[in-house]
PDB file of all heavy atoms in Angstrom:
ATOM      1  N   LYS A   1     -14.195  -6.063   8.585  1.00  0.00           N
ATOM      2  CA  LYS A   1     -14.707  -4.798   8.104  1.00  0.00           C
ATOM      3  C   LYS A   1     -13.852  -3.621   8.570  1.00  0.00           C
ATOM      4  O   LYS A   1     -13.580  -2.736   7.745  1.00  0.00           O
ATOM      5  CB  LYS A   1     -16.142  -4.584   8.606  1.00  0.00           C
ATOM      6  CG  LYS A   1     -17.153  -5.431   7.904  1.00  0.00           C
ATOM      7  CD  LYS A   1     -18.577  -5.205   8.409  1.00  0.00           C
ATOM      8  CE  LYS A   1     -19.620  -6.020   7.644  1.00  0.00           C
ATOM      9  NZ  LYS A   1     -20.982  -5.817   8.095  1.00  0.00           N
ATOM     10  N   ASP A   2     -13.357  -3.675   9.778  1.00  0.00           N
ATOM     11  CA  ASP A   2     -12.454  -2.629  10.268  1.00  0.00           C
ATOM     12  C   ASP A   2     -11.146  -2.596   9.429  1.00  0.00           C
ATOM     13  O   ASP A   2     -10.628  -1.556   9.116  1.00  0.00           O
ATOM     14  CB  ASP A   2     -12.141  -2.833  11.761  1.00  0.00           C
ATOM     15  CG  ASP A   2     -13.328  -2.538  12.665  1.00  0.00           C
ATOM     16  OD1 ASP A   2     -14.372  -1.973  12.187  1.00  0.00           O
ATOM     17  OD2 ASP A   2     -13.239  -2.893  13.851  1.00  0.00           O
ATOM     18  N   LYS A   3     -10.651  -3.773   9.093  1.00  0.00           N
ATOM     19  CA  LYS A   3      -9.446  -3.918   8.300  1.00  0.00           C
ATOM     20  C   LYS A   3      -9.693  -3.327   6.911  1.00  0.00           C
ATOM     21  O   LYS A   3      -8.855  -2.613   6.347  1.00  0.00           O
ATOM     22  CB  LYS A   3      -8.999  -5.370   8.231  1.00  0.00           C
ATOM     23  CG  LYS A   3      -7.608  -5.547   7.634  1.00  0.00           C
ATOM     24  CD  LYS A   3      -6.547  -4.854   8.472  1.00  0.00           C
ATOM     25  CE  LYS A   3      -5.178  -5.192   7.974  1.00  0.00           C
ATOM     26  NZ  LYS A   3      -4.159  -4.552   8.788  1.00  0.00           N
ATOM     27  N   VAL A   4     -10.869  -3.643   6.307  1.00  0.00           N
ATOM     28  CA  VAL A   4     -11.204  -3.100   5.031  1.00  0.00           C
ATOM     29  C   VAL A   4     -11.228  -1.572   5.072  1.00  0.00           C
ATOM     30  O   VAL A   4     -10.661  -0.917   4.189  1.00  0.00           O
ATOM     31  CB  VAL A   4     -12.620  -3.629   4.540  1.00  0.00           C
ATOM     32  CG1 VAL A   4     -13.122  -2.788   3.411  1.00  0.00           C
ATOM     33  CG2 VAL A   4     -12.491  -5.085   4.166  1.00  0.00           C
ATOM     34  N   ASP A   5     -11.875  -1.004   6.080  1.00  0.00           N
ATOM     35  CA  ASP A   5     -11.918   0.453   6.224  1.00  0.00           C
ATOM     36  C   ASP A   5     -10.486   1.045   6.369  1.00  0.00           C
ATOM     37  O   ASP A   5     -10.151   2.053   5.751  1.00  0.00           O
ATOM     38  CB  ASP A   5     -12.746   0.879   7.424  1.00  0.00           C
ATOM     39  CG  ASP A   5     -14.225   0.579   7.252  1.00  0.00           C
ATOM     40  OD1 ASP A   5     -14.682   0.394   6.044  1.00  0.00           O
ATOM     41  OD2 ASP A   5     -14.984   0.538   8.230  1.00  0.00           O
ATOM     42  N   SER A   6      -9.707   0.411   7.174  1.00  0.00           N
ATOM     43  CA  SER A   6      -8.314   0.870   7.336  1.00  0.00           C
ATOM     44  C   SER A   6      -7.485   0.813   6.040  1.00  0.00           C
ATOM     45  O   SER A   6      -6.799   1.719   5.684  1.00  0.00           O
ATOM     46  CB  SER A   6      -7.624   0.002   8.431  1.00  0.00           C
ATOM     47  OG  SER A   6      -6.274   0.292   8.530  1.00  0.00           O
ATOM     48  N   LEU A   7      -7.657  -0.291   5.306  1.00  0.00           N
ATOM     49  CA  LEU A   7      -6.934  -0.435   4.051  1.00  0.00           C
ATOM     50  C   LEU A   7      -7.447   0.510   2.985  1.00  0.00           C
ATOM     51  O   LEU A   7      -6.682   1.036   2.172  1.00  0.00           O
ATOM     52  CB  LEU A   7      -7.004  -1.868   3.557  1.00  0.00           C
ATOM     53  CG  LEU A   7      -6.191  -2.889   4.368  1.00  0.00           C
ATOM     54  CD1 LEU A   7      -6.499  -4.293   3.941  1.00  0.00           C
ATOM     55  CD2 LEU A   7      -4.684  -2.595   4.264  1.00  0.00           C
ATOM     56  N   LYS A   8      -8.748   0.795   2.975  1.00  0.00           N
ATOM     57  CA  LYS A   8      -9.315   1.755   2.066  1.00  0.00           C
ATOM     58  C   LYS A   8      -8.720   3.148   2.320  1.00  0.00           C
ATOM     59  O   LYS A   8      -8.355   3.889   1.378  1.00  0.00           O
ATOM     60  CB  LYS A   8     -10.846   1.863   2.151  1.00  0.00           C
ATOM     61  CG  LYS A   8     -11.587   0.756   1.420  1.00  0.00           C
ATOM     62  CD  LYS A   8     -13.082   0.974   1.536  1.00  0.00           C
ATOM     63  CE  LYS A   8     -13.863  -0.005   0.760  1.00  0.00           C
ATOM     64  NZ  LYS A   8     -15.332   0.212   0.861  1.00  0.00           N
ATOM     65  N   LYS A   9      -8.608   3.541   3.587  1.00  0.00           N
ATOM     66  CA  LYS A   9      -8.036   4.811   3.964  1.00  0.00           C
ATOM     67  C   LYS A   9      -6.565   4.870   3.528  1.00  0.00           C
ATOM     68  O   LYS A   9      -6.103   5.857   2.959  1.00  0.00           O
ATOM     69  CB  LYS A   9      -8.195   5.085   5.422  1.00  0.00           C
ATOM     70  CG  LYS A   9      -7.632   6.399   5.878  1.00  0.00           C
ATOM     71  CD  LYS A   9      -7.874   6.673   7.349  1.00  0.00           C
ATOM     72  CE  LYS A   9      -7.384   7.993   7.869  1.00  0.00           C
ATOM     73  NZ  LYS A   9      -6.417   8.713   7.126  1.00  0.00           N
ATOM     74  N   TYR A  10      -5.824   3.799   3.760  1.00  0.00           N
ATOM     75  CA  TYR A  10      -4.413   3.679   3.405  1.00  0.00           C
ATOM     76  C   TYR A  10      -4.257   3.884   1.864  1.00  0.00           C
ATOM     77  O   TYR A  10      -3.413   4.631   1.423  1.00  0.00           O
ATOM     78  CB  TYR A  10      -3.899   2.337   3.845  1.00  0.00           C
ATOM     79  CG  TYR A  10      -2.517   2.046   3.431  1.00  0.00           C
ATOM     80  CD1 TYR A  10      -1.405   2.642   4.048  1.00  0.00           C
ATOM     81  CD2 TYR A  10      -2.269   1.102   2.412  1.00  0.00           C
ATOM     82  CE1 TYR A  10      -0.083   2.360   3.606  1.00  0.00           C
ATOM     83  CE2 TYR A  10      -0.949   0.805   2.006  1.00  0.00           C
ATOM     84  CZ  TYR A  10       0.095   1.440   2.637  1.00  0.00           C
ATOM     85  OH  TYR A  10       1.370   1.156   2.208  1.00  0.00           O
ATOM     86  N   LEU A  11      -5.124   3.124   1.109  1.00  0.00           N
ATOM     87  CA  LEU A  11      -5.013   3.210  -0.340  1.00  0.00           C
ATOM     88  C   LEU A  11      -5.441   4.616  -0.865  1.00  0.00           C
ATOM     89  O   LEU A  11      -4.767   5.157  -1.737  1.00  0.00           O
ATOM     90  CB  LEU A  11      -5.935   2.147  -0.955  1.00  0.00           C
ATOM     91  CG  LEU A  11      -5.858   1.922  -2.451  1.00  0.00           C
ATOM     92  CD1 LEU A  11      -4.470   1.550  -2.876  1.00  0.00           C
ATOM     93  CD2 LEU A  11      -6.883   0.871  -2.891  1.00  0.00           C
ATOM     94  N   ALA A  12      -6.469   5.172  -0.258  1.00  0.00           N
ATOM     95  CA  ALA A  12      -6.912   6.525  -0.682  1.00  0.00           C
ATOM     96  C   ALA A  12      -5.850   7.563  -0.397  1.00  0.00           C
ATOM     97  O   ALA A  12      -5.597   8.437  -1.264  1.00  0.00           O
ATOM     98  CB  ALA A  12      -8.212   6.876   0.043  1.00  0.00           C
ATOM     99  N   ASP A  13      -5.196   7.443   0.753  1.00  0.00           N
ATOM    100  CA  ASP A  13      -4.103   8.366   1.112  1.00  0.00           C
ATOM    101  C   ASP A  13      -2.931   8.195   0.108  1.00  0.00           C
ATOM    102  O   ASP A  13      -2.327   9.213  -0.322  1.00  0.00           O
ATOM    103  CB  ASP A  13      -3.606   8.163   2.508  1.00  0.00           C
ATOM    104  CG  ASP A  13      -4.594   8.621   3.563  1.00  0.00           C
ATOM    105  OD1 ASP A  13      -5.584   9.375   3.216  1.00  0.00           O
ATOM    106  OD2 ASP A  13      -4.465   8.265   4.715  1.00  0.00           O
ATOM    107  N   ALA A  14      -2.649   6.952  -0.247  1.00  0.00           N
ATOM    108  CA  ALA A  14      -1.522   6.725  -1.165  1.00  0.00           C
ATOM    109  C   ALA A  14      -1.828   7.184  -2.576  1.00  0.00           C
ATOM    110  O   ALA A  14      -0.933   7.730  -3.251  1.00  0.00           O
ATOM    111  CB  ALA A  14      -1.196   5.206  -1.186  1.00  0.00           C
ATOM    112  N   LEU A  15      -3.078   6.997  -3.027  1.00  0.00           N
ATOM    113  CA  LEU A  15      -3.435   7.424  -4.381  1.00  0.00           C
ATOM    114  C   LEU A  15      -3.741   8.890  -4.495  1.00  0.00           C
ATOM    115  O   LEU A  15      -3.624   9.488  -5.561  1.00  0.00           O
ATOM    116  CB  LEU A  15      -4.616   6.595  -4.916  1.00  0.00           C
ATOM    117  CG  LEU A  15      -4.367   5.135  -5.208  1.00  0.00           C
ATOM    118  CD1 LEU A  15      -5.623   4.423  -5.549  1.00  0.00           C
ATOM    119  CD2 LEU A  15      -3.359   4.993  -6.352  1.00  0.00           C
ATOM    120  N   ASN A  16      -4.079   9.517  -3.379  1.00  0.00           N
ATOM    121  CA  ASN A  16      -4.374  10.958  -3.324  1.00  0.00           C
ATOM    122  C   ASN A  16      -5.356  11.406  -4.425  1.00  0.00           C
ATOM    123  O   ASN A  16      -5.134  12.392  -5.116  1.00  0.00           O
ATOM    124  CB  ASN A  16      -3.057  11.718  -3.422  1.00  0.00           C
ATOM    125  CG  ASN A  16      -3.213  13.166  -2.918  1.00  0.00           C
ATOM    126  OD1 ASN A  16      -4.109  13.472  -2.117  1.00  0.00           O
ATOM    127  ND2 ASN A  16      -2.359  14.033  -3.384  1.00  0.00           N
ATOM    128  N   GLY A  17      -6.392  10.626  -4.629  1.00  0.00           N
ATOM    129  CA  GLY A  17      -7.467  11.021  -5.532  1.00  0.00           C
ATOM    130  C   GLY A  17      -7.206  10.594  -7.022  1.00  0.00           C
ATOM    131  O   GLY A  17      -8.040  10.798  -7.871  1.00  0.00           O
ATOM    132  N   GLU A  18      -6.106   9.964  -7.303  1.00  0.00           N
ATOM    133  CA  GLU A  18      -5.780   9.546  -8.666  1.00  0.00           C
ATOM    134  C   GLU A  18      -6.349   8.129  -8.916  1.00  0.00           C
ATOM    135  O   GLU A  18      -6.383   7.285  -8.056  1.00  0.00           O
ATOM    136  CB  GLU A  18      -4.235   9.441  -8.844  1.00  0.00           C
ATOM    137  CG  GLU A  18      -3.561  10.774  -8.766  1.00  0.00           C
ATOM    138  CD  GLU A  18      -2.012  10.629  -8.903  1.00  0.00           C
ATOM    139  OE1 GLU A  18      -1.565   9.658  -9.577  1.00  0.00           O
ATOM    140  OE2 GLU A  18      -1.296  11.451  -8.373  1.00  0.00           O
ATOM    141  N   LYS A  19      -6.784   7.915 -10.190  1.00  0.00           N
ATOM    142  CA  LYS A  19      -7.283   6.611 -10.585  1.00  0.00           C
ATOM    143  C   LYS A  19      -6.089   5.656 -10.723  1.00  0.00           C
ATOM    144  O   LYS A  19      -4.981   6.030 -11.084  1.00  0.00           O
ATOM    145  CB  LYS A  19      -8.031   6.665 -11.885  1.00  0.00           C
ATOM    146  CG  LYS A  19      -9.341   7.406 -11.811  1.00  0.00           C
ATOM    147  CD  LYS A  19     -10.024   7.312 -13.163  1.00  0.00           C
ATOM    148  CE  LYS A  19     -11.361   8.051 -13.154  1.00  0.00           C
ATOM    149  NZ  LYS A  19     -12.007   7.990 -14.431  1.00  0.00           N
ATOM    150  N   MET A  20      -6.401   4.363 -10.527  1.00  0.00           N
ATOM    151  CA  MET A  20      -5.399   3.319 -10.748  1.00  0.00           C
ATOM    152  C   MET A  20      -6.082   2.146 -11.423  1.00  0.00           C
ATOM    153  O   MET A  20      -7.122   1.688 -10.972  1.00  0.00           O
ATOM    154  CB  MET A  20      -4.755   2.890  -9.435  1.00  0.00           C
ATOM    155  CG  MET A  20      -3.685   1.841  -9.613  1.00  0.00           C
ATOM    156  SD  MET A  20      -3.180   1.107  -8.053  1.00  0.00           S
ATOM    157  CE  MET A  20      -4.242  -0.358  -7.966  1.00  0.00           C
ATOM    158  N   THR A  21      -5.527   1.625 -12.508  1.00  0.00           N
ATOM    159  CA  THR A  21      -6.091   0.487 -13.178  1.00  0.00           C
ATOM    160  C   THR A  21      -4.979  -0.497 -13.532  1.00  0.00           C
ATOM    161  O   THR A  21      -3.985  -0.077 -14.101  1.00  0.00           O
ATOM    162  CB  THR A  21      -6.823   0.926 -14.488  1.00  0.00           C
ATOM    163  OG1 THR A  21      -7.780   1.916 -14.133  1.00  0.00           O
ATOM    164  CG2 THR A  21      -7.511  -0.244 -15.155  1.00  0.00           C
ATOM    165  N   THR A  22      -5.217  -1.749 -13.212  1.00  0.00           N
ATOM    166  CA  THR A  22      -4.347  -2.860 -13.644  1.00  0.00           C
ATOM    167  C   THR A  22      -5.208  -3.907 -14.275  1.00  0.00           C
ATOM    168  O   THR A  22      -6.427  -3.767 -14.394  1.00  0.00           O
ATOM    169  CB  THR A  22      -3.570  -3.437 -12.449  1.00  0.00           C
ATOM    170  OG1 THR A  22      -4.460  -4.160 -11.628  1.00  0.00           O
ATOM    171  CG2 THR A  22      -2.852  -2.395 -11.656  1.00  0.00           C
ATOM    172  N   SER A  23      -4.625  -5.021 -14.681  1.00  0.00           N
ATOM    173  CA  SER A  23      -5.399  -6.079 -15.300  1.00  0.00           C
ATOM    174  C   SER A  23      -6.279  -6.800 -14.249  1.00  0.00           C
ATOM    175  O   SER A  23      -7.239  -7.469 -14.608  1.00  0.00           O
ATOM    176  CB  SER A  23      -4.458  -7.091 -15.952  1.00  0.00           C
ATOM    177  OG  SER A  23      -3.611  -7.683 -14.983  1.00  0.00           O
ATOM    178  N   LYS A  24      -5.982  -6.632 -12.977  1.00  0.00           N
ATOM    179  CA  LYS A  24      -6.749  -7.346 -11.979  1.00  0.00           C
ATOM    180  C   LYS A  24      -7.676  -6.461 -11.141  1.00  0.00           C
ATOM    181  O   LYS A  24      -8.573  -6.935 -10.481  1.00  0.00           O
ATOM    182  CB  LYS A  24      -5.771  -8.057 -11.010  1.00  0.00           C
ATOM    183  CG  LYS A  24      -4.985  -9.121 -11.634  1.00  0.00           C
ATOM    184  CD  LYS A  24      -4.083  -9.778 -10.612  1.00  0.00           C
ATOM    185  CE  LYS A  24      -3.254 -10.920 -11.274  1.00  0.00           C
ATOM    186  NZ  LYS A  24      -2.341 -11.586 -10.315  1.00  0.00           N
ATOM    187  N   VAL A  25      -7.452  -5.155 -11.138  1.00  0.00           N
ATOM    188  CA  VAL A  25      -8.207  -4.245 -10.282  1.00  0.00           C
ATOM    189  C   VAL A  25      -8.270  -2.835 -10.856  1.00  0.00           C
ATOM    190  O   VAL A  25      -7.375  -2.447 -11.602  1.00  0.00           O
ATOM    191  CB  VAL A  25      -7.611  -4.236  -8.853  1.00  0.00           C
ATOM    192  CG1 VAL A  25      -6.255  -3.562  -8.859  1.00  0.00           C
ATOM    193  CG2 VAL A  25      -8.527  -3.578  -7.850  1.00  0.00           C
ATOM    194  N   ALA A  26      -9.348  -2.194 -10.546  1.00  0.00           N
ATOM    195  CA  ALA A  26      -9.484  -0.782 -10.946  1.00  0.00           C
ATOM    196  C   ALA A  26      -9.930   0.017  -9.729  1.00  0.00           C
ATOM    197  O   ALA A  26     -10.852  -0.365  -9.017  1.00  0.00           O
ATOM    198  CB  ALA A  26     -10.492  -0.622 -12.051  1.00  0.00           C
TER     199      ALA A  26
END
């Protein structure tokens, strides 16, 4: 769970509020 929270923060910082959609994930 801690790793999930850390990765969510990492992804949110990288996307900076922008949406991202691929064939495997949105």
